[in-house]
Every structure is written in C-alpha cells, then in structure tokens.
PDB file of N, CA and C in Angstrom:
ATOM      1  N   MET A   1      68.129  17.112  76.193  1.00  0.00           N
ATOM      2  CA  MET A   1      68.231  18.482  75.733  1.00  0.00           C
ATOM      3  C   MET A   1      69.687  18.806  75.437  1.00  0.00           C
ATOM      4  N   PRO A   2      69.934  19.478  74.345  1.00  0.00           N
ATOM      5  CA  PRO A   2      71.304  19.893  74.042  1.00  0.00           C
ATOM      6  C   PRO A   2      71.777  20.950  75.032  1.00  0.00           C
ATOM      7  N   MET A   3      73.096  21.042  75.163  1.00  0.00           N
ATOM      8  CA  MET A   3      73.679  22.014  76.095  1.00  0.00           C
ATOM      9  C   MET A   3      74.638  22.934  75.349  1.00  0.00           C
ATOM     10  N   LEU A   4      74.641  24.192  75.751  1.00  0.00           N
ATOM     11  CA  LEU A   4      75.633  25.153  75.288  1.00  0.00           C
ATOM     12  C   LEU A   4      76.510  25.474  76.487  1.00  0.00           C
ATOM     13  N   VAL A   5      77.792  25.162  76.393  1.00  0.00           N
ATOM     14  CA  VAL A   5      78.714  25.333  77.511  1.00  0.00           C
ATOM     15  C   VAL A   5      79.821  26.292  77.084  1.00  0.00           C
ATOM     16  N   TRP A   6      79.964  27.365  77.840  1.00  0.00           N
ATOM     17  CA  TRP A   6      81.026  28.340  77.583  1.00  0.00           C
ATOM     18  C   TRP A   6      82.104  28.164  78.640  1.00  0.00           C
ATOM     19  N   SER A   7      83.329  28.270  78.202  1.00  0.00           N
ATOM     20  CA  SER A   7      84.468  28.162  79.102  1.00  0.00           C
ATOM     21  C   SER A   7      85.460  29.263  78.751  1.00  0.00           C
ATOM     22  N   ALA A   8      86.350  29.551  79.685  1.00  0.00           N
ATOM     23  CA  ALA A   8      87.345  30.602  79.486  1.00  0.00           C
ATOM     24  C   ALA A   8      88.739  29.991  79.510  1.00  0.00           C
ATOM     25  N   SER A   9      89.554  30.345  78.529  1.00  0.00           N
ATOM     26  CA  SER A   9      90.880  29.728  78.421  1.00  0.00           C
ATOM     27  C   SER A   9      91.771  30.028  79.620  1.00  0.00           C
ATOM     28  N   ALA A  10      91.554  31.170  80.272  1.00  0.00           N
ATOM     29  CA  ALA A  10      92.390  31.555  81.420  1.00  0.00           C
ATOM     30  C   ALA A  10      91.667  31.323  82.751  1.00  0.00           C
ATOM     31  N   ASP A  11      90.684  30.463  82.760  1.00  0.00           N
ATOM     32  CA  ASP A  11      89.909  30.177  83.974  1.00  0.00           C
ATOM     33  C   ASP A  11      90.647  29.143  84.818  1.00  0.00           C
ATOM     34  N   THR A  12      91.067  29.540  86.012  1.00  0.00           N
ATOM     35  CA  THR A  12      91.749  28.602  86.907  1.00  0.00           C
ATOM     36  C   THR A  12      90.788  27.983  87.919  1.00  0.00           C
ATOM     37  N   ILE A  13      89.553  28.483  87.980  1.00  0.00           N
ATOM     38  CA  ILE A  13      88.553  27.952  88.906  1.00  0.00           C
ATOM     39  C   ILE A  13      87.803  26.781  88.265  1.00  0.00           C
ATOM     40  N   ALA A  14      87.343  26.979  87.035  1.00  0.00           N
ATOM     41  CA  ALA A  14      86.669  25.929  86.265  1.00  0.00           C
ATOM     42  C   ALA A  14      87.313  25.897  84.879  1.00  0.00           C
ATOM     43  N   PRO A  15      88.495  25.305  84.769  1.00  0.00           N
ATOM     44  CA  PRO A  15      89.252  25.349  83.518  1.00  0.00           C
ATOM     45  C   PRO A  15      88.537  24.634  82.366  1.00  0.00           C
ATOM     46  N   PRO A  16      88.923  24.963  81.140  1.00  0.00           N
ATOM     47  CA  PRO A  16      88.300  24.341  79.973  1.00  0.00           C
ATOM     48  C   PRO A  16      88.348  22.817  79.995  1.00  0.00           C
ATOM     49  N   ALA A  17      89.336  22.247  80.652  1.00  0.00           N
ATOM     50  CA  ALA A  17      89.400  20.779  80.740  1.00  0.00           C
ATOM     51  C   ALA A  17      88.170  20.213  81.439  1.00  0.00           C
ATOM     52  N   HIS A  18      87.609  20.953  82.384  1.00  0.00           N
ATOM     53  CA  HIS A  18      86.390  20.490  83.062  1.00  0.00           C
ATOM     54  C   HIS A  18      85.217  20.457  82.093  1.00  0.00           C
ATOM     55  N   ALA A  19      85.103  21.491  81.276  1.00  0.00           N
ATOM     56  CA  ALA A  19      84.018  21.539  80.287  1.00  0.00           C
ATOM     57  C   ALA A  19      84.214  20.446  79.234  1.00  0.00           C
ATOM     58  N   ALA A  20      85.454  20.218  78.832  1.00  0.00           N
ATOM     59  CA  ALA A  20      85.740  19.165  77.858  1.00  0.00           C
ATOM     60  C   ALA A  20      85.399  17.792  78.437  1.00  0.00           C
ATOM     61  N   TYR A  21      85.662  17.605  79.726  1.00  0.00           N
ATOM     62  CA  TYR A  21      85.298  16.340  80.377  1.00  0.00           C
ATOM     63  C   TYR A  21      83.778  16.149  80.357  1.00  0.00           C
ATOM     64  N   LEU A  22      83.044  17.213  80.644  1.00  0.00           N
ATOM     65  CA  LEU A  22      81.582  17.147  80.603  1.00  0.00           C
ATOM     66  C   LEU A  22      81.116  16.744  79.205  1.00  0.00           C
ATOM     67  N   GLN A  23      81.675  17.387  78.197  1.00  0.00           N
ATOM     68  CA  GLN A  23      81.307  17.081  76.817  1.00  0.00           C
ATOM     69  C   GLN A  23      81.604  15.616  76.500  1.00  0.00           C
ATOM     70  N   GLN A  24      82.770  15.148  76.903  1.00  0.00           N
ATOM     71  CA  GLN A  24      83.165  13.759  76.646  1.00  0.00           C
ATOM     72  C   GLN A  24      82.280  12.781  77.418  1.00  0.00           C
ATOM     73  N   ALA A  25      81.995  13.098  78.666  1.00  0.00           N
ATOM     74  CA  ALA A  25      81.193  12.200  79.508  1.00  0.00           C
ATOM     75  C   ALA A  25      79.768  12.048  78.981  1.00  0.00           C
ATOM     76  N   LEU A  26      79.261  13.091  78.330  1.00  0.00           N
ATOM     77  CA  LEU A  26      77.895  13.048  77.826  1.00  0.00           C
ATOM     78  C   LEU A  26      77.801  12.637  76.360  1.00  0.00           C
ATOM     79  N   ALA A  27      78.927  12.409  75.729  1.00  0.00           N
ATOM     80  CA  ALA A  27      78.958  12.059  74.306  1.00  0.00           C
ATOM     81  C   ALA A  27      78.046  10.868  74.017  1.00  0.00           C
ATOM     82  N   GLY A  28      77.271  11.012  72.968  1.00  0.00           N
ATOM     83  CA  GLY A  28      76.356   9.952  72.568  1.00  0.00           C
ATOM     84  C   GLY A  28      75.017  10.015  73.265  1.00  0.00           C
ATOM     85  N   ARG A  29      74.924  10.804  74.336  1.00  0.00           N
ATOM     86  CA  ARG A  29      73.652  10.930  75.063  1.00  0.00           C
ATOM     87  C   ARG A  29      73.090  12.335  74.968  1.00  0.00           C
ATOM     88  N   VAL A  30      73.979  13.328  75.035  1.00  0.00           N
ATOM     89  CA  VAL A  30      73.564  14.733  75.007  1.00  0.00           C
ATOM     90  C   VAL A  30      74.535  15.488  74.100  1.00  0.00           C
ATOM     91  N   ASP A  31      73.989  16.279  73.190  1.00  0.00           N
ATOM     92  CA  ASP A  31      74.839  17.117  72.359  1.00  0.00           C
ATOM     93  C   ASP A  31      75.302  18.312  73.183  1.00  0.00           C
ATOM     94  N   VAL A  32      76.614  18.467  73.310  1.00  0.00           N
ATOM     95  CA  VAL A  32      77.192  19.570  74.076  1.00  0.00           C
ATOM     96  C   VAL A  32      77.990  20.444  73.114  1.00  0.00           C
ATOM     97  N   ASP A  33      77.519  21.658  72.928  1.00  0.00           N
ATOM     98  CA  ASP A  33      78.214  22.642  72.097  1.00  0.00           C
ATOM     99  C   ASP A  33      79.149  23.409  73.025  1.00  0.00           C
ATOM    100  N   LEU A  34      80.434  23.095  72.952  1.00  0.00           N
ATOM    101  CA  LEU A  34      81.426  23.680  73.847  1.00  0.00           C
ATOM    102  C   LEU A  34      82.126  24.838  73.151  1.00  0.00           C
ATOM    103  N   ARG A  35      82.145  25.995  73.793  1.00  0.00           N
ATOM    104  CA  ARG A  35      82.816  27.183  73.267  1.00  0.00           C
ATOM    105  C   ARG A  35      83.837  27.655  74.296  1.00  0.00           C
ATOM    106  N   VAL A  36      85.087  27.750  73.892  1.00  0.00           N
ATOM    107  CA  VAL A  36      86.146  28.242  74.773  1.00  0.00           C
ATOM    108  C   VAL A  36      86.542  29.628  74.288  1.00  0.00           C
ATOM    109  N   THR A  37      86.423  30.615  75.171  1.00  0.00           N
ATOM    110  CA  THR A  37      86.771  31.984  74.834  1.00  0.00           C
ATOM    111  C   THR A  37      88.232  32.230  75.189  1.00  0.00           C
ATOM    112  N   GLU A  38      89.042  32.463  74.165  1.00  0.00           N
ATOM    113  CA  GLU A  38      90.467  32.695  74.364  1.00  0.00           C
ATOM    114  C   GLU A  38      90.699  33.995  75.121  1.00  0.00           C
ATOM    115  N   GLY A  39      91.557  33.923  76.122  1.00  0.00           N
ATOM    116  CA  GLY A  39      91.929  35.108  76.886  1.00  0.00           C
ATOM    117  C   GLY A  39      90.967  35.485  77.990  1.00  0.00           C
ATOM    118  N   ALA A  40      89.830  34.823  78.074  1.00  0.00           N
ATOM    119  CA  ALA A  40      88.840  35.147  79.106  1.00  0.00           C
ATOM    120  C   ALA A  40      89.206  34.462  80.421  1.00  0.00           C
ATOM    121  N   SER A  41      88.723  35.050  81.515  1.00  0.00           N
ATOM    122  CA  SER A  41      88.918  34.465  82.839  1.00  0.00           C
ATOM    123  C   SER A  41      87.562  34.010  83.385  1.00  0.00           C
ATOM    124  N   HIS A  42      87.571  33.455  84.568  1.00  0.00           N
ATOM    125  CA  HIS A  42      86.343  32.962  85.193  1.00  0.00           C
ATOM    126  C   HIS A  42      85.294  34.068  85.321  1.00  0.00           C
ATOM    127  N   LEU A  43      85.734  35.282  85.621  1.00  0.00           N
ATOM    128  CA  LEU A  43      84.798  36.381  85.860  1.00  0.00           C
ATOM    129  C   LEU A  43      84.432  37.158  84.597  1.00  0.00           C
ATOM    130  N   SER A  44      85.009  36.816  83.471  1.00  0.00           N
ATOM    131  CA  SER A  44      84.724  37.532  82.221  1.00  0.00           C
ATOM    132  C   SER A  44      83.257  37.457  81.823  1.00  0.00           C
ATOM    133  N   PHE A  45      82.540  36.477  82.319  1.00  0.00           N
ATOM    134  CA  PHE A  45      81.152  36.270  81.927  1.00  0.00           C
ATOM    135  C   PHE A  45      80.161  37.100  82.753  1.00  0.00           C
ATOM    136  N   LEU A  46      80.638  37.772  83.777  1.00  0.00           N
ATOM    137  CA  LEU A  46      79.767  38.603  84.622  1.00  0.00           C
ATOM    138  C   LEU A  46      79.465  39.935  83.947  1.00  0.00           C
ATOM    139  N   ASN A  47      78.239  40.403  84.094  1.00  0.00           N
ATOM    140  CA  ASN A  47      77.886  41.726  83.564  1.00  0.00           C
ATOM    141  C   ASN A  47      78.628  42.830  84.300  1.00  0.00           C
ATOM    142  N   VAL A  48      78.742  42.692  85.612  1.00  0.00           N
ATOM    143  CA  VAL A  48      79.431  43.686  86.434  1.00  0.00           C
ATOM    144  C   VAL A  48      80.530  42.959  87.199  1.00  0.00           C
ATOM    145  N   LEU A  49      81.755  43.417  87.003  1.00  0.00           N
ATOM    146  CA  LEU A  49      82.878  42.790  87.704  1.00  0.00           C
ATOM    147  C   LEU A  49      82.935  43.244  89.158  1.00  0.00           C
ATOM    148  N   PRO A  50      83.433  42.408  90.049  1.00  0.00           N
ATOM    149  CA  PRO A  50      83.646  42.825  91.433  1.00  0.00           C
ATOM    150  C   PRO A  50      84.636  43.995  91.471  1.00  0.00           C
ATOM    151  N   PRO A  51      84.559  44.785  92.520  1.00  0.00           N
ATOM    152  CA  PRO A  51      85.488  45.920  92.629  1.00  0.00           C
ATOM    153  C   PRO A  51      86.947  45.453  92.559  1.00  0.00           C
ATOM    154  N   HIS A  52      87.763  46.244  91.925  1.00  0.00           N
ATOM    155  CA  HIS A  52      89.207  46.022  91.835  1.00  0.00           C
ATOM    156  C   HIS A  52      89.600  44.831  90.959  1.00  0.00           C
ATOM    157  N   ILE A  53      88.680  44.300  90.179  1.00  0.00           N
ATOM    158  CA  ILE A  53      88.997  43.212  89.256  1.00  0.00           C
ATOM    159  C   ILE A  53      89.139  43.792  87.857  1.00  0.00           C
ATOM    160  N   GLN A  54      90.226  43.471  87.209  1.00  0.00           N
ATOM    161  CA  GLN A  54      90.452  43.872  85.823  1.00  0.00           C
ATOM    162  C   GLN A  54      90.273  42.643  84.933  1.00  0.00           C
ATOM    163  N   ASP A  55      89.409  42.759  83.943  1.00  0.00           N
ATOM    164  CA  ASP A  55      89.177  41.637  83.039  1.00  0.00           C
ATOM    165  C   ASP A  55      90.277  41.591  81.980  1.00  0.00           C
ATOM    166  N   PRO A  56      90.778  40.410  81.642  1.00  0.00           N
ATOM    167  CA  PRO A  56      91.854  40.310  80.659  1.00  0.00           C
ATOM    168  C   PRO A  56      91.421  40.502  79.203  1.00  0.00           C
ATOM    169  N   LEU A  57      90.115  40.450  78.937  1.00  0.00           N
ATOM    170  CA  LEU A  57      89.665  40.604  77.553  1.00  0.00           C
ATOM    171  C   LEU A  57      89.860  42.042  77.077  1.00  0.00           C
ATOM    172  N   PRO A  58      90.375  42.219  75.867  1.00  0.00           N
ATOM    173  CA  PRO A  58      90.626  43.577  75.370  1.00  0.00           C
ATOM    174  C   PRO A  58      89.341  44.367  75.110  1.00  0.00           C
ATOM    175  N   ASP A  59      88.270  43.689  74.689  1.00  0.00           N
ATOM    176  CA  ASP A  59      86.995  44.370  74.445  1.00  0.00           C
ATOM    177  C   ASP A  59      85.877  43.568  75.094  1.00  0.00           C
ATOM    178  N   ARG A  60      85.772  43.718  76.382  1.00  0.00           N
ATOM    179  CA  ARG A  60      84.819  42.950  77.190  1.00  0.00           C
ATOM    180  C   ARG A  60      83.379  43.187  76.766  1.00  0.00           C
ATOM    181  N   GLU A  61      83.042  44.436  76.452  1.00  0.00           N
ATOM    182  CA  GLU A  61      81.659  44.750  76.044  1.00  0.00           C
ATOM    183  C   GLU A  61      81.297  44.012  74.754  1.00  0.00           C
ATOM    184  N   ALA A  62      82.209  43.958  73.806  1.00  0.00           N
ATOM    185  CA  ALA A  62      81.950  43.230  72.556  1.00  0.00           C
ATOM    186  C   ALA A  62      81.772  41.736  72.850  1.00  0.00           C
ATOM    187  N   PHE A  63      82.595  41.203  73.760  1.00  0.00           N
ATOM    188  CA  PHE A  63      82.461  39.796  74.133  1.00  0.00           C
ATOM    189  C   PHE A  63      81.093  39.536  74.758  1.00  0.00           C
ATOM    190  N   LEU A  64      80.676  40.382  75.698  1.00  0.00           N
ATOM    191  CA  LEU A  64      79.380  40.182  76.355  1.00  0.00           C
ATOM    192  C   LEU A  64      78.227  40.309  75.364  1.00  0.00           C
ATOM    193  N   ASP A  65      78.337  41.215  74.402  1.00  0.00           N
ATOM    194  CA  ASP A  65      77.304  41.319  73.359  1.00  0.00           C
ATOM    195  C   ASP A  65      77.245  40.037  72.541  1.00  0.00           C
ATOM    196  N   HIS A  66      78.425  39.518  72.170  1.00  0.00           N
ATOM    197  CA  HIS A  66      78.488  38.271  71.397  1.00  0.00           C
ATOM    198  C   HIS A  66      77.937  37.102  72.210  1.00  0.00           C
ATOM    199  N   LEU A  67      78.320  37.025  73.469  1.00  0.00           N
ATOM    200  CA  LEU A  67      77.831  35.963  74.355  1.00  0.00           C
ATOM    201  C   LEU A  67      76.303  35.999  74.436  1.00  0.00           C
ATOM    202  N   THR A  68      75.754  37.180  74.649  1.00  0.00           N
ATOM    203  CA  THR A  68      74.295  37.330  74.749  1.00  0.00           C
ATOM    204  C   THR A  68      73.613  36.880  73.463  1.00  0.00           C
ATOM    205  N   THR A  69      74.147  37.299  72.339  1.00  0.00           N
ATOM    206  CA  THR A  69      73.570  36.922  71.049  1.00  0.00           C
ATOM    207  C   THR A  69      73.594  35.417  70.856  1.00  0.00           C
ATOM    208  N   GLU A  70      74.729  34.799  71.163  1.00  0.00           N
ATOM    209  CA  GLU A  70      74.869  33.355  70.971  1.00  0.00           C
ATOM    210  C   GLU A  70      73.974  32.550  71.913  1.00  0.00           C
ATOM    211  N   VAL A  71      73.890  32.958  73.166  1.00  0.00           N
ATOM    212  CA  VAL A  71      73.048  32.243  74.130  1.00  0.00           C
ATOM    213  C   VAL A  71      71.576  32.365  73.739  1.00  0.00           C
ATOM    214  N   CYS A  72      71.160  33.552  73.356  1.00  0.00           N
ATOM    215  CA  CYS A  72      69.763  33.749  72.933  1.00  0.00           C
ATOM    216  C   CYS A  72      69.444  32.935  71.689  1.00  0.00           C
ATOM    217  N   ALA A  73      70.361  32.921  70.724  1.00  0.00           N
ATOM    218  CA  ALA A  73      70.141  32.138  69.503  1.00  0.00           C
ATOM    219  C   ALA A  73      70.007  30.662  69.832  1.00  0.00           C
ATOM    220  N   PHE A  74      70.842  30.168  70.730  1.00  0.00           N
ATOM    221  CA  PHE A  74      70.773  28.763  71.134  1.00  0.00           C
ATOM    222  C   PHE A  74      69.453  28.471  71.844  1.00  0.00           C
ATOM    223  N   ALA A  75      69.089  29.336  72.776  1.00  0.00           N
ATOM    224  CA  ALA A  75      67.878  29.107  73.576  1.00  0.00           C
ATOM    225  C   ALA A  75      66.598  29.231  72.754  1.00  0.00           C
ATOM    226  N   LEU A  76      66.599  30.081  71.757  1.00  0.00           N
ATOM    227  CA  LEU A  76      65.391  30.326  70.978  1.00  0.00           C
ATOM    228  C   LEU A  76      65.281  29.456  69.738  1.00  0.00           C
ATOM    229  N   ASP A  77      66.273  28.600  69.514  1.00  0.00           N
ATOM    230  CA  ASP A  77      66.232  27.697  68.369  1.00  0.00           C
ATOM    231  C   ASP A  77      65.154  26.665  68.633  1.00  0.00           C
ATOM    232  N   ARG A  78      64.072  26.766  67.914  1.00  0.00           N
ATOM    233  CA  ARG A  78      62.915  25.908  68.181  1.00  0.00           C
ATOM    234  C   ARG A  78      62.892  24.645  67.321  1.00  0.00           C
ATOM    235  N   ARG A  79      63.963  24.407  66.566  1.00  0.00           N
ATOM    236  CA  ARG A  79      64.011  23.176  65.788  1.00  0.00           C
ATOM    237  C   ARG A  79      64.183  21.987  66.735  1.00  0.00           C
ATOM    238  N   SER A  80      63.803  20.844  66.272  1.00  0.00           N
ATOM    239  CA  SER A  80      63.987  19.649  67.095  1.00  0.00           C
ATOM    240  C   SER A  80      65.479  19.358  67.213  1.00  0.00           C
ATOM    241  N   VAL A  81      65.812  18.546  68.183  1.00  0.00           N
ATOM    242  CA  VAL A  81      67.209  18.188  68.406  1.00  0.00           C
ATOM    243  C   VAL A  81      67.778  17.512  67.168  1.00  0.00           C
ATOM    244  N   SER A  82      67.021  16.620  66.540  1.00  0.00           N
ATOM    245  CA  SER A  82      67.529  15.921  65.349  1.00  0.00           C
ATOM    246  C   SER A  82      67.724  16.894  64.189  1.00  0.00           C
ATOM    247  N   GLU A  83      66.865  17.875  64.027  1.00  0.00           N
ATOM    248  CA  GLU A  83      67.047  18.883  62.991  1.00  0.00           C
ATOM    249  C   GLU A  83      68.247  19.774  63.295  1.00  0.00           C
ATOM    250  N   ARG A  84      68.426  20.113  64.535  1.00  0.00           N
ATOM    251  CA  ARG A  84      69.491  21.035  64.939  1.00  0.00           C
ATOM    252  C   ARG A  84      70.860  20.423  64.720  1.00  0.00           C
ATOM    253  N   TYR A  85      70.996  19.127  64.981  1.00  0.00           N
ATOM    254  CA  TYR A  85      72.315  18.495  64.959  1.00  0.00           C
ATOM    255  C   TYR A  85      72.478  17.462  63.862  1.00  0.00           C
ATOM    256  N   SER A  86      71.642  17.500  62.855  1.00  0.00           N
ATOM    257  CA  SER A  86      71.836  16.533  61.766  1.00  0.00           C
ATOM    258  C   SER A  86      72.983  16.975  60.870  1.00  0.00           C
ATOM    259  N   PRO A  87      73.771  16.023  60.375  1.00  0.00           N
ATOM    260  CA  PRO A  87      74.938  16.369  59.534  1.00  0.00           C
ATOM    261  C   PRO A  87      74.546  16.935  58.188  1.00  0.00           C
TER     262      PRO A  87
END
C-alpha cells in the first residue's frame, strides 16, 4: 500500500530526516509520498494545541484545511497502485 507521510521542517521530535529515511528505506517496495511543511512544528498537525503552545505557522487554520483535503484525497483515491503511480 502506498503511504502519505507528512513532516514538519521545524520538528525536533521527529525531524524530516526521519521521514526521508523511511522513504529511502522503502524505496522500490512501497511508494512513499513525502510532504514537508515549511515552518511547521511537531504539534502543528494537532487540531487543538496544548495550553500555552504557540504554533509557528502564520495561518494554521489554512494549513489544517489543506492537510485535511490532501489526506482525504489520498485516502479516497480508489485507483490501483499502478494507475496511481505510473509515469
């Protein structure tokens, strides 16, 4: 099954290098669509931030709307893997 992996450029807990390693390790076996969100932190992906946390993204709501749209589009793509990733 293909994977959609989102990472945050300012994530110090699970940095983008970890996601890139996953993509590289699975190369040739699993298609990994890696997306790195510039300026985002580890917690930017949460719907509700913990108290006293300020998100670094300038328009967090727009980012979350975009994230939701992209994840749903990926999950609902009913084409076969070969159709989805053919050149």
